[in-house]
Amino acid sequence: MACGHVLGGLLGDLNYWHQSHGGGLEPYLQNAGMGLKSVWVCPSWVGGWESPFPPRTYAMNTALRNPPDVEPWAAANQVRDGIPLALIRDPAGTILLFEGIPNIAKAYPGYGYVGRCGYWDSVKGYDLYPNIRWNNSWLPHQPWHSGMNTYLFCDGHVKRQVPRKYPWVPSAADNQWFVVKWRS
């Protein structure tokens, strides 16, 4: 997926990485209407899907939206574009897509829903700060694949690894999320 821009943006922006109404990567993948067989859904997901949004178990690293490395969430909601690949200091060491936490509560935005963007605390199996509404702390979730998740990096390679339990500010020595901030 090495291209001129890493995709980001808001609902309605045609540059958003995953949209059901003709934006993002959907026109190139010709994947629309595939439901749970979509390329955006991990084959390991055996749950259903009860959301007004198309099925998705992968999410994008929110630090890859322009401007890069914004603080969540109010500032991140103002992001309107992706960032040029040239601004990513370490494409091979920066996460682009990851396997997210599905909503297992039957409440909005629906059963199965995975948010489009997030950081390490949105990774399935992270669980450092459980959210009762989202992932039901009474039913802890594990990483997708025998204690590991799959990550797509900005240079296009895919790697399985254990979800890391970062505090809010990860160390510069072991940071795969931010583009500029907290990078050595």
N, C-alpha and C. Protein backbone atom coordinates (compact mmCIF):
# COMPACT_ATOMS: atom_id res chain seq x y z
N MET A 1 0.81 -1.18 0.00
CA MET A 1 0.00 0.00 0.00
C MET A 1 0.86 1.25 0.00
N ALA A 2 2.07 1.17 -0.48
CA ALA A 2 2.90 2.36 -0.58
C ALA A 2 2.33 3.23 -1.69
N CYS A 3 1.86 4.41 -1.32
CA CYS A 3 1.26 5.30 -2.30
C CYS A 3 1.59 6.73 -1.91
N GLY A 4 1.12 7.70 -2.66
CA GLY A 4 1.42 9.10 -2.41
C GLY A 4 0.91 9.60 -1.08
N HIS A 5 -0.21 9.08 -0.61
CA HIS A 5 -0.77 9.52 0.66
C HIS A 5 -1.24 8.33 1.47
N VAL A 6 -1.09 8.45 2.77
CA VAL A 6 -1.76 7.52 3.67
C VAL A 6 -3.12 8.13 3.87
N LEU A 7 -4.17 7.35 3.75
CA LEU A 7 -5.51 7.91 3.72
C LEU A 7 -6.05 8.22 5.10
N GLY A 8 -6.75 9.33 5.22
CA GLY A 8 -7.36 9.74 6.48
C GLY A 8 -8.57 10.58 6.18
N GLY A 9 -9.06 11.34 7.13
CA GLY A 9 -10.16 12.25 6.90
C GLY A 9 -11.39 11.92 7.70
N LEU A 10 -12.47 12.57 7.39
CA LEU A 10 -13.73 12.42 8.11
C LEU A 10 -14.80 11.80 7.24
N LEU A 11 -15.87 11.35 7.85
CA LEU A 11 -17.01 10.83 7.13
C LEU A 11 -17.45 11.84 6.08
N GLY A 12 -17.60 11.41 4.88
CA GLY A 12 -18.00 12.31 3.80
C GLY A 12 -16.83 12.74 2.94
N ASP A 13 -15.61 12.65 3.47
CA ASP A 13 -14.44 12.99 2.68
C ASP A 13 -14.12 11.81 1.78
N LEU A 14 -13.92 12.07 0.50
CA LEU A 14 -13.66 10.98 -0.43
C LEU A 14 -12.29 10.34 -0.23
N ASN A 15 -11.42 10.97 0.60
CA ASN A 15 -10.09 10.40 0.81
C ASN A 15 -10.03 9.50 2.04
N TYR A 16 -11.14 9.29 2.73
CA TYR A 16 -11.09 8.45 3.92
C TYR A 16 -10.78 7.01 3.53
N TRP A 17 -9.99 6.31 4.31
CA TRP A 17 -9.50 4.98 3.93
C TRP A 17 -10.60 3.96 3.73
N HIS A 18 -11.71 4.06 4.46
CA HIS A 18 -12.78 3.07 4.32
C HIS A 18 -14.12 3.77 4.38
N GLN A 19 -14.80 3.83 3.26
CA GLN A 19 -16.14 4.40 3.22
C GLN A 19 -17.03 3.53 2.35
N SER A 20 -18.28 3.51 2.72
CA SER A 20 -19.21 2.67 1.98
C SER A 20 -19.88 3.41 0.83
N HIS A 21 -19.70 4.72 0.75
CA HIS A 21 -20.41 5.48 -0.28
C HIS A 21 -19.47 6.04 -1.34
N GLY A 22 -18.54 5.22 -1.80
CA GLY A 22 -17.74 5.59 -2.96
C GLY A 22 -16.42 6.26 -2.66
N GLY A 23 -16.05 6.42 -1.40
CA GLY A 23 -14.78 7.07 -1.08
C GLY A 23 -13.74 6.07 -0.63
N GLY A 24 -12.60 6.60 -0.25
CA GLY A 24 -11.53 5.78 0.27
C GLY A 24 -11.02 4.76 -0.74
N LEU A 25 -10.74 3.57 -0.27
CA LEU A 25 -10.17 2.52 -1.11
C LEU A 25 -11.22 1.64 -1.78
N GLU A 26 -12.48 1.77 -1.38
CA GLU A 26 -13.53 0.89 -1.92
C GLU A 26 -13.59 0.85 -3.44
N PRO A 27 -13.53 1.99 -4.15
CA PRO A 27 -13.62 1.91 -5.62
C PRO A 27 -12.48 1.11 -6.24
N TYR A 28 -11.32 1.10 -5.60
CA TYR A 28 -10.17 0.37 -6.14
C TYR A 28 -10.25 -1.11 -5.83
N LEU A 29 -10.84 -1.45 -4.70
CA LEU A 29 -10.93 -2.85 -4.29
C LEU A 29 -12.16 -3.55 -4.84
N GLN A 30 -13.15 -2.77 -5.25
CA GLN A 30 -14.42 -3.32 -5.72
C GLN A 30 -14.95 -4.34 -4.72
N ASN A 31 -15.01 -3.90 -3.48
CA ASN A 31 -15.32 -4.75 -2.34
C ASN A 31 -16.70 -4.45 -1.76
N ALA A 32 -17.33 -3.38 -2.20
CA ALA A 32 -18.60 -2.94 -1.63
C ALA A 32 -19.65 -4.05 -1.68
N GLY A 33 -20.41 -4.18 -0.62
CA GLY A 33 -21.49 -5.15 -0.56
C GLY A 33 -21.05 -6.57 -0.22
N MET A 34 -19.79 -6.77 0.16
CA MET A 34 -19.29 -8.11 0.47
C MET A 34 -19.66 -8.56 1.88
N GLY A 35 -20.14 -7.63 2.71
CA GLY A 35 -20.55 -8.00 4.06
C GLY A 35 -19.42 -8.58 4.88
N LEU A 36 -19.69 -9.67 5.58
CA LEU A 36 -18.67 -10.27 6.45
C LEU A 36 -17.57 -10.97 5.66
N LYS A 37 -17.69 -11.05 4.35
CA LYS A 37 -16.63 -11.61 3.51
C LYS A 37 -15.75 -10.51 2.92
N SER A 38 -15.93 -9.29 3.38
CA SER A 38 -15.16 -8.14 2.94
C SER A 38 -13.68 -8.30 3.30
N VAL A 39 -12.82 -7.67 2.52
CA VAL A 39 -11.39 -7.67 2.86
C VAL A 39 -11.13 -6.90 4.15
N TRP A 40 -12.10 -6.11 4.60
CA TRP A 40 -11.95 -5.34 5.84
C TRP A 40 -12.32 -6.16 7.07
N VAL A 41 -12.74 -7.41 6.90
CA VAL A 41 -13.15 -8.26 8.02
C VAL A 41 -12.20 -9.45 8.13
N CYS A 42 -11.62 -9.62 9.32
CA CYS A 42 -10.74 -10.75 9.57
C CYS A 42 -11.55 -12.05 9.46
N PRO A 43 -11.04 -13.06 8.75
CA PRO A 43 -11.77 -14.33 8.66
C PRO A 43 -11.99 -14.99 10.02
N SER A 44 -11.25 -14.57 11.05
CA SER A 44 -11.42 -15.12 12.40
C SER A 44 -12.66 -14.58 13.10
N TRP A 45 -13.26 -13.51 12.58
CA TRP A 45 -14.45 -12.94 13.22
C TRP A 45 -15.62 -13.87 12.97
N VAL A 46 -16.14 -14.47 14.02
CA VAL A 46 -17.27 -15.39 13.88
C VAL A 46 -18.56 -14.79 14.42
N GLY A 47 -18.46 -13.57 14.95
CA GLY A 47 -19.65 -12.89 15.44
C GLY A 47 -20.47 -12.36 14.29
N GLY A 48 -21.62 -11.88 14.59
CA GLY A 48 -22.48 -11.28 13.57
C GLY A 48 -22.15 -9.82 13.37
N TRP A 49 -23.07 -9.13 12.71
CA TRP A 49 -22.89 -7.69 12.45
C TRP A 49 -24.25 -7.04 12.49
N GLU A 50 -24.46 -6.17 13.47
CA GLU A 50 -25.72 -5.46 13.61
C GLU A 50 -25.41 -3.98 13.75
N SER A 51 -25.03 -3.35 12.67
CA SER A 51 -24.65 -1.95 12.66
C SER A 51 -25.09 -1.33 11.34
N PRO A 52 -25.40 -0.03 11.34
CA PRO A 52 -25.74 0.62 10.07
C PRO A 52 -24.50 0.81 9.19
N PHE A 53 -23.32 0.56 9.74
CA PHE A 53 -22.08 0.74 9.00
C PHE A 53 -21.61 -0.59 8.42
N PRO A 54 -20.88 -0.56 7.30
CA PRO A 54 -20.40 -1.81 6.69
C PRO A 54 -19.46 -2.56 7.65
N PRO A 55 -19.44 -3.89 7.59
CA PRO A 55 -18.57 -4.67 8.45
C PRO A 55 -17.09 -4.32 8.26
N ARG A 56 -16.41 -4.30 9.41
CA ARG A 56 -14.98 -3.97 9.41
C ARG A 56 -14.40 -4.44 10.74
N THR A 57 -13.28 -5.16 10.72
CA THR A 57 -12.59 -5.51 11.96
C THR A 57 -11.23 -4.83 12.03
N TYR A 58 -10.86 -4.11 10.98
CA TYR A 58 -9.59 -3.39 10.96
C TYR A 58 -9.83 -1.90 11.16
N ALA A 59 -8.87 -1.23 11.75
CA ALA A 59 -8.95 0.21 11.99
C ALA A 59 -7.63 0.84 11.54
N MET A 60 -7.67 2.15 11.28
CA MET A 60 -6.49 2.88 10.85
C MET A 60 -5.84 3.60 12.03
N ASN A 61 -4.54 3.68 12.01
CA ASN A 61 -3.78 4.45 12.99
C ASN A 61 -4.16 5.92 12.84
N THR A 62 -4.79 6.48 13.85
CA THR A 62 -5.29 7.86 13.76
C THR A 62 -4.18 8.90 13.68
N ALA A 63 -2.95 8.54 14.04
CA ALA A 63 -1.83 9.49 13.94
C ALA A 63 -1.44 9.76 12.50
N LEU A 64 -2.00 9.00 11.56
CA LEU A 64 -1.66 9.17 10.15
C LEU A 64 -2.62 10.11 9.42
N ARG A 65 -3.32 10.93 10.19
CA ARG A 65 -4.21 11.91 9.58
C ARG A 65 -3.56 13.29 9.68
N ASN A 66 -3.95 14.19 8.82
CA ASN A 66 -3.28 15.48 8.72
C ASN A 66 -4.01 16.56 9.51
N PRO A 67 -3.35 17.26 10.43
CA PRO A 67 -1.92 17.20 10.72
C PRO A 67 -1.58 15.95 11.51
N PRO A 68 -0.36 15.41 11.30
CA PRO A 68 0.01 14.17 11.99
C PRO A 68 0.15 14.37 13.49
N ASP A 69 -0.07 13.30 14.23
CA ASP A 69 0.15 13.26 15.67
C ASP A 69 -0.72 14.21 16.46
N VAL A 70 -1.95 14.41 16.05
CA VAL A 70 -2.86 15.24 16.82
C VAL A 70 -3.28 14.51 18.08
N GLU A 71 -3.64 15.26 19.10
CA GLU A 71 -4.13 14.65 20.33
C GLU A 71 -5.59 14.28 20.12
N PRO A 72 -6.02 13.12 20.56
CA PRO A 72 -7.42 12.77 20.44
C PRO A 72 -8.22 13.57 21.45
N TRP A 73 -9.44 13.70 21.35
CA TRP A 73 -10.33 13.33 20.27
C TRP A 73 -10.86 14.60 19.62
N ALA A 74 -10.97 15.66 20.40
CA ALA A 74 -11.52 16.90 19.81
C ALA A 74 -10.68 17.38 18.63
N ALA A 75 -9.37 17.43 18.77
CA ALA A 75 -8.51 17.88 17.67
C ALA A 75 -8.55 16.90 16.51
N ALA A 76 -8.60 15.62 16.81
CA ALA A 76 -8.62 14.61 15.75
C ALA A 76 -9.88 14.73 14.91
N ASN A 77 -10.97 15.19 15.50
CA ASN A 77 -12.21 15.33 14.75
C ASN A 77 -12.15 16.44 13.72
N GLN A 78 -11.14 17.29 13.77
CA GLN A 78 -10.98 18.36 12.80
C GLN A 78 -10.10 17.94 11.62
N VAL A 79 -9.52 16.76 11.70
CA VAL A 79 -8.63 16.28 10.66
C VAL A 79 -9.42 16.08 9.37
N ARG A 80 -8.88 16.56 8.26
CA ARG A 80 -9.62 16.49 7.00
C ARG A 80 -8.86 15.77 5.90
N ASP A 81 -7.65 15.32 6.13
CA ASP A 81 -6.87 14.79 5.03
C ASP A 81 -5.88 13.74 5.53
N GLY A 82 -5.31 13.00 4.61
CA GLY A 82 -4.22 12.09 4.94
C GLY A 82 -2.91 12.84 4.87
N ILE A 83 -1.83 12.21 5.29
CA ILE A 83 -0.53 12.86 5.22
C ILE A 83 0.30 12.23 4.12
N PRO A 84 1.21 13.01 3.52
CA PRO A 84 2.09 12.44 2.50
C PRO A 84 2.98 11.36 3.11
N LEU A 85 3.21 10.31 2.39
CA LEU A 85 4.07 9.24 2.85
C LEU A 85 5.46 9.77 3.21
N ALA A 86 5.91 10.82 2.50
CA ALA A 86 7.23 11.40 2.75
C ALA A 86 7.37 11.96 4.17
N LEU A 87 6.26 12.29 4.84
CA LEU A 87 6.33 12.82 6.20
C LEU A 87 6.48 11.74 7.25
N ILE A 88 6.32 10.48 6.86
CA ILE A 88 6.44 9.38 7.82
C ILE A 88 7.91 9.01 7.93
N ARG A 89 8.51 9.29 9.09
CA ARG A 89 9.94 9.08 9.28
C ARG A 89 10.36 7.63 9.12
N ASP A 90 9.52 6.70 9.54
CA ASP A 90 9.88 5.28 9.53
C ASP A 90 8.69 4.46 9.03
N PRO A 91 8.44 4.43 7.70
CA PRO A 91 7.28 3.70 7.19
C PRO A 91 7.28 2.22 7.58
N ALA A 92 8.44 1.58 7.61
CA ALA A 92 8.51 0.16 7.96
C ALA A 92 8.25 -0.07 9.44
N GLY A 93 8.34 0.98 10.26
CA GLY A 93 8.12 0.85 11.69
C GLY A 93 6.89 1.56 12.19
N THR A 94 6.01 2.01 11.27
CA THR A 94 4.81 2.75 11.65
C THR A 94 3.57 1.97 11.21
N ILE A 95 2.70 1.69 12.16
CA ILE A 95 1.47 0.93 11.90
C ILE A 95 0.50 1.77 11.08
N LEU A 96 -0.08 1.16 10.04
CA LEU A 96 -1.11 1.80 9.22
C LEU A 96 -2.49 1.27 9.62
N LEU A 97 -2.69 -0.05 9.53
CA LEU A 97 -3.96 -0.68 9.91
C LEU A 97 -3.70 -1.73 10.98
N PHE A 98 -4.69 -1.92 11.86
CA PHE A 98 -4.57 -2.91 12.93
C PHE A 98 -5.92 -3.55 13.17
N GLU A 99 -5.92 -4.67 13.90
CA GLU A 99 -7.16 -5.36 14.22
C GLU A 99 -7.76 -4.73 15.48
N GLY A 100 -8.96 -4.18 15.33
CA GLY A 100 -9.58 -3.41 16.40
C GLY A 100 -10.50 -4.21 17.30
N ILE A 101 -10.99 -3.53 18.33
CA ILE A 101 -11.89 -4.13 19.31
C ILE A 101 -13.32 -4.03 18.79
N PRO A 102 -13.99 -5.17 18.57
CA PRO A 102 -15.39 -5.10 18.13
C PRO A 102 -16.31 -4.79 19.31
N ASN A 103 -17.34 -4.03 19.03
CA ASN A 103 -18.36 -3.73 20.02
C ASN A 103 -19.20 -4.99 20.22
N ILE A 104 -19.20 -5.51 21.44
CA ILE A 104 -20.01 -6.71 21.68
C ILE A 104 -21.27 -6.38 22.48
N ALA A 105 -21.53 -5.08 22.66
CA ALA A 105 -22.78 -4.65 23.28
C ALA A 105 -23.77 -4.38 22.15
N LYS A 106 -25.02 -4.70 22.37
CA LYS A 106 -26.03 -4.46 21.32
C LYS A 106 -26.60 -3.06 21.51
N ALA A 107 -25.71 -2.09 21.31
CA ALA A 107 -26.06 -0.67 21.43
C ALA A 107 -25.33 0.07 20.31
N TYR A 108 -25.75 1.31 20.03
CA TYR A 108 -25.12 2.08 18.96
C TYR A 108 -23.62 2.16 19.22
N PRO A 109 -22.79 1.99 18.22
CA PRO A 109 -23.09 1.90 16.80
C PRO A 109 -23.37 0.48 16.30
N GLY A 110 -23.58 -0.45 17.21
CA GLY A 110 -24.03 -1.78 16.81
C GLY A 110 -23.07 -2.89 17.14
N TYR A 111 -23.63 -4.06 17.26
CA TYR A 111 -22.86 -5.27 17.56
C TYR A 111 -21.86 -5.55 16.44
N GLY A 112 -20.60 -5.80 16.82
CA GLY A 112 -19.56 -6.11 15.86
C GLY A 112 -18.76 -4.92 15.39
N TYR A 113 -19.30 -3.72 15.52
CA TYR A 113 -18.67 -2.51 14.98
C TYR A 113 -17.28 -2.29 15.55
N VAL A 114 -16.32 -1.98 14.67
CA VAL A 114 -14.97 -1.58 15.04
C VAL A 114 -14.79 -0.16 14.52
N GLY A 115 -14.30 0.74 15.37
CA GLY A 115 -14.07 2.12 14.97
C GLY A 115 -13.08 2.23 13.82
N ARG A 116 -13.23 3.25 12.98
CA ARG A 116 -12.36 3.39 11.82
C ARG A 116 -10.93 3.76 12.18
N CYS A 117 -10.73 4.51 13.26
CA CYS A 117 -9.41 4.99 13.63
C CYS A 117 -9.17 4.80 15.12
N GLY A 118 -7.92 4.72 15.51
CA GLY A 118 -7.57 4.64 16.92
C GLY A 118 -6.08 4.47 17.10
N TYR A 119 -5.70 4.32 18.35
CA TYR A 119 -4.31 4.07 18.72
C TYR A 119 -4.22 2.67 19.32
N TRP A 120 -3.12 2.39 20.02
CA TRP A 120 -2.88 1.08 20.63
C TRP A 120 -3.97 0.67 21.60
N ASP A 121 -4.69 1.62 22.20
CA ASP A 121 -5.74 1.25 23.15
C ASP A 121 -7.03 0.84 22.44
N SER A 122 -7.04 0.87 21.10
CA SER A 122 -8.17 0.39 20.31
C SER A 122 -7.90 -0.98 19.71
N VAL A 123 -6.75 -1.57 20.02
CA VAL A 123 -6.34 -2.86 19.49
C VAL A 123 -7.02 -3.98 20.29
N LYS A 124 -7.56 -4.96 19.59
CA LYS A 124 -8.19 -6.10 20.27
C LYS A 124 -7.16 -6.82 21.13
N GLY A 125 -7.49 -6.97 22.41
CA GLY A 125 -6.58 -7.60 23.36
C GLY A 125 -5.81 -6.62 24.22
N TYR A 126 -5.96 -5.32 23.95
CA TYR A 126 -5.23 -4.31 24.74
C TYR A 126 -5.73 -4.30 26.18
N ASP A 127 -7.01 -3.97 26.37
CA ASP A 127 -7.70 -4.10 27.66
C ASP A 127 -7.01 -3.52 28.88
N LEU A 128 -6.18 -2.49 28.74
CA LEU A 128 -5.58 -1.89 29.92
C LEU A 128 -6.62 -1.07 30.68
N TYR A 129 -7.51 -0.41 29.91
CA TYR A 129 -8.59 0.37 30.50
C TYR A 129 -9.90 -0.12 29.89
N PRO A 130 -10.50 -1.19 30.40
CA PRO A 130 -11.71 -1.74 29.77
C PRO A 130 -12.85 -0.72 29.73
N ASN A 131 -13.61 -0.76 28.67
CA ASN A 131 -14.76 0.12 28.48
C ASN A 131 -16.00 -0.78 28.48
N ILE A 132 -16.81 -0.65 29.49
CA ILE A 132 -17.95 -1.55 29.66
C ILE A 132 -18.90 -1.49 28.46
N ARG A 133 -19.18 -0.29 27.94
CA ARG A 133 -20.12 -0.19 26.82
C ARG A 133 -19.53 -0.79 25.55
N TRP A 134 -18.25 -0.61 25.34
CA TRP A 134 -17.67 -1.00 24.08
C TRP A 134 -17.29 -2.47 24.03
N ASN A 135 -16.46 -2.92 24.97
CA ASN A 135 -15.98 -4.29 24.88
C ASN A 135 -16.37 -5.12 26.09
N ASN A 136 -17.26 -4.61 26.91
CA ASN A 136 -17.79 -5.35 28.07
C ASN A 136 -16.69 -5.95 28.93
N SER A 137 -16.26 -5.20 29.95
CA SER A 137 -15.16 -5.64 30.81
C SER A 137 -15.47 -6.97 31.49
N TRP A 138 -16.74 -7.32 31.62
CA TRP A 138 -17.10 -8.60 32.22
C TRP A 138 -16.82 -9.77 31.28
N LEU A 139 -16.56 -9.48 30.02
CA LEU A 139 -16.23 -10.51 29.04
C LEU A 139 -14.94 -10.07 28.33
N PRO A 140 -13.78 -10.31 28.98
CA PRO A 140 -12.54 -9.80 28.40
C PRO A 140 -12.28 -10.37 27.01
N HIS A 141 -11.76 -9.56 26.16
CA HIS A 141 -11.45 -10.01 24.81
C HIS A 141 -9.95 -10.29 24.69
N GLN A 142 -9.61 -11.19 23.83
CA GLN A 142 -8.24 -11.59 23.59
C GLN A 142 -7.83 -11.12 22.20
N PRO A 143 -6.52 -11.06 21.93
CA PRO A 143 -6.10 -10.78 20.56
C PRO A 143 -6.70 -11.80 19.60
N TRP A 144 -6.72 -11.45 18.33
CA TRP A 144 -7.39 -12.27 17.32
C TRP A 144 -6.77 -13.64 17.10
N HIS A 145 -5.45 -13.75 17.14
CA HIS A 145 -4.79 -14.97 16.68
C HIS A 145 -3.80 -15.51 17.71
N SER A 146 -4.24 -16.39 18.59
CA SER A 146 -3.38 -17.03 19.58
C SER A 146 -2.49 -16.03 20.31
N GLY A 147 -3.10 -14.99 20.85
CA GLY A 147 -2.36 -13.99 21.62
C GLY A 147 -1.70 -12.91 20.79
N MET A 148 -1.91 -12.93 19.47
CA MET A 148 -1.29 -11.93 18.59
C MET A 148 -2.34 -11.31 17.67
N ASN A 149 -2.02 -10.13 17.15
CA ASN A 149 -2.84 -9.47 16.15
C ASN A 149 -2.01 -9.24 14.90
N THR A 150 -2.68 -8.97 13.81
CA THR A 150 -2.03 -8.67 12.54
C THR A 150 -2.03 -7.16 12.34
N TYR A 151 -0.89 -6.63 11.92
CA TYR A 151 -0.72 -5.19 11.68
C TYR A 151 -0.18 -4.99 10.27
N LEU A 152 -0.71 -4.00 9.56
CA LEU A 152 -0.19 -3.58 8.28
C LEU A 152 0.61 -2.31 8.52
N PHE A 153 1.85 -2.28 8.06
CA PHE A 153 2.72 -1.13 8.26
C PHE A 153 2.71 -0.24 7.02
N CYS A 154 3.16 0.98 7.18
CA CYS A 154 3.07 1.98 6.11
C CYS A 154 3.91 1.65 4.88
N ASP A 155 4.88 0.77 5.00
CA ASP A 155 5.66 0.37 3.82
C ASP A 155 5.01 -0.79 3.08
N GLY A 156 3.90 -1.33 3.62
CA GLY A 156 3.17 -2.39 2.95
C GLY A 156 3.39 -3.78 3.55
N HIS A 157 4.33 -3.95 4.48
CA HIS A 157 4.52 -5.28 5.05
C HIS A 157 3.53 -5.53 6.18
N VAL A 158 3.25 -6.81 6.41
CA VAL A 158 2.29 -7.24 7.43
C VAL A 158 3.07 -8.03 8.47
N LYS A 159 2.70 -7.82 9.75
CA LYS A 159 3.39 -8.51 10.83
C LYS A 159 2.39 -8.88 11.92
N ARG A 160 2.56 -10.05 12.51
CA ARG A 160 1.77 -10.44 13.68
C ARG A 160 2.60 -10.15 14.92
N GLN A 161 1.96 -9.57 15.94
CA GLN A 161 2.66 -9.31 17.19
C GLN A 161 1.66 -9.21 18.33
N VAL A 162 2.17 -9.33 19.55
CA VAL A 162 1.36 -9.21 20.75
C VAL A 162 0.98 -7.73 20.90
N PRO A 163 -0.30 -7.42 21.24
CA PRO A 163 -0.66 -6.03 21.46
C PRO A 163 0.16 -5.46 22.61
N ARG A 164 0.70 -4.28 22.40
CA ARG A 164 1.53 -3.65 23.41
C ARG A 164 0.68 -2.85 24.37
N LYS A 165 1.06 -2.82 25.63
CA LYS A 165 0.29 -2.16 26.69
C LYS A 165 0.91 -0.80 27.03
N TYR A 166 0.89 0.11 26.07
CA TYR A 166 1.45 1.43 26.30
C TYR A 166 0.63 2.22 27.31
N PRO A 167 1.30 3.06 28.10
CA PRO A 167 0.55 4.11 28.80
C PRO A 167 0.16 5.14 27.74
N TRP A 168 -0.40 6.28 28.13
CA TRP A 168 -0.84 7.24 27.11
C TRP A 168 0.30 7.70 26.22
N VAL A 169 1.49 7.95 26.76
CA VAL A 169 2.62 8.39 25.95
C VAL A 169 3.60 7.23 25.81
N PRO A 170 3.69 6.61 24.64
CA PRO A 170 4.63 5.50 24.47
C PRO A 170 6.07 5.99 24.47
N SER A 171 7.00 5.12 24.77
CA SER A 171 8.40 5.52 24.75
C SER A 171 8.87 5.64 23.31
N ALA A 172 9.80 6.55 23.08
CA ALA A 172 10.32 6.77 21.73
C ALA A 172 11.07 5.54 21.22
N ALA A 173 11.65 4.78 22.13
CA ALA A 173 12.45 3.63 21.73
C ALA A 173 11.60 2.49 21.16
N ASP A 174 10.33 2.43 21.51
CA ASP A 174 9.49 1.31 21.10
C ASP A 174 8.12 1.81 20.67
N ASN A 175 8.08 2.69 19.72
CA ASN A 175 6.82 3.32 19.31
C ASN A 175 6.54 3.04 17.85
N GLN A 176 5.41 2.38 17.58
CA GLN A 176 5.03 2.06 16.21
C GLN A 176 3.82 2.86 15.75
N TRP A 177 3.37 3.83 16.54
CA TRP A 177 2.13 4.52 16.24
C TRP A 177 2.31 5.92 15.70
N PHE A 178 3.15 6.73 16.33
CA PHE A 178 3.24 8.13 15.95
C PHE A 178 4.23 8.36 14.82
N VAL A 179 3.96 9.41 14.06
CA VAL A 179 4.76 9.72 12.88
C VAL A 179 5.98 10.54 13.28
N VAL A 180 5.78 11.56 14.10
CA VAL A 180 6.84 12.47 14.48
C VAL A 180 7.01 12.49 16.01
N LYS A 181 5.94 12.77 16.73
CA LYS A 181 6.00 12.84 18.18
C LYS A 181 6.49 11.53 18.75
N TRP A 182 7.24 11.60 19.80
CA TRP A 182 7.73 10.43 20.53
C TRP A 182 8.53 9.48 19.64
N ARG A 183 9.15 10.04 18.60
CA ARG A 183 10.08 9.27 17.78
C ARG A 183 11.48 9.76 18.11
N SER A 184 12.43 8.85 18.18
CA SER A 184 13.81 9.27 18.48
C SER A 184 14.47 9.87 17.25
